Amino acid sequence: MAWLHITAPGRGATPTVRSWCGCGRDLFAAGQARALALIADHDHHRTTCPQRADDRSAAA
């Protein structure tokens, strides 16, 4: 399992992102540029994580 939690408060506040995965990944980013980079990295991780590949194989 992989989770992404995004907090994007109103104007003038700092957005935050946290990325978790069952493989042990637990990353946090604050600020618009870093948050966007972590969102993109999380998306990439979902396609390359060896544990998620095992989960998909077991479900098939």
Protein backbone atom coordinates (compact mmCIF):
# COMPACT_ATOMS: atom_id res chain seq x y z
CA MET A 1 0.00 0.00 0.00
CA ALA A 2 1.13 3.52 -0.72
CA TRP A 3 -0.50 6.64 0.71
CA LEU A 4 -0.16 10.31 -0.07
CA HIS A 5 -1.50 12.97 2.30
CA ILE A 6 -1.63 16.53 0.96
CA THR A 7 -2.49 19.57 3.05
CA ALA A 8 -3.03 22.70 1.01
CA PRO A 9 -4.33 25.43 3.31
CA GLY A 10 -5.52 28.77 2.02
CA ARG A 11 -3.55 31.60 0.48
CA GLY A 12 -0.35 32.51 2.25
CA ALA A 13 -0.04 29.20 4.11
CA THR A 14 2.56 26.51 3.43
CA PRO A 15 1.38 23.31 1.70
CA THR A 16 2.67 20.02 3.10
CA VAL A 17 2.84 16.49 1.69
CA ARG A 18 3.58 13.15 3.33
CA SER A 19 4.26 9.96 1.36
CA TRP A 20 4.05 6.54 3.04
CA CYS A 21 4.47 3.05 1.64
CA GLY A 22 4.33 -0.44 3.08
CA CYS A 23 7.98 -0.90 2.07
CA GLY A 24 9.04 1.54 4.80
CA ARG A 25 9.04 4.77 2.80
CA ASP A 26 8.02 7.75 4.95
CA LEU A 27 8.84 11.13 3.40
CA PHE A 28 7.63 14.65 4.23
CA ALA A 29 7.90 17.91 2.30
CA ALA A 30 6.81 21.47 3.05
CA GLY A 31 6.56 24.37 0.63
CA GLN A 32 5.07 24.48 -2.85
CA ALA A 33 8.12 23.40 -4.88
CA ARG A 34 9.08 20.57 -2.51
CA ALA A 35 5.48 19.41 -2.16
CA LEU A 36 5.06 19.20 -5.94
CA ALA A 37 8.35 17.32 -6.25
CA LEU A 38 7.30 14.79 -3.59
CA ILE A 39 3.93 14.26 -5.27
CA ALA A 40 5.72 13.43 -8.53
CA ASP A 41 8.20 11.19 -6.68
CA HIS A 42 5.34 9.37 -4.92
CA ASP A 43 3.66 8.71 -8.26
CA HIS A 44 6.92 7.29 -9.61
CA HIS A 45 7.45 5.18 -6.48
CA ARG A 46 4.02 3.58 -6.89
CA THR A 47 5.15 2.14 -10.23
CA THR A 48 8.62 1.01 -9.10
CA CYS A 49 8.20 -0.21 -5.50
CA PRO A 50 9.15 -3.91 -5.28
CA GLN A 51 6.59 -4.52 -2.52
CA ARG A 52 3.76 -3.08 -4.59
CA ALA A 53 4.84 -5.29 -7.50
CA ASP A 54 4.53 -8.29 -5.15
CA ASP A 55 1.05 -7.10 -4.09
CA ARG A 56 -0.08 -6.84 -7.71
CA SER A 57 1.28 -10.32 -8.51
CA ALA A 58 -0.54 -11.86 -5.53
CA ALA A 59 -3.83 -10.23 -6.59
CA ALA A 60 -3.63 -11.59 -10.14
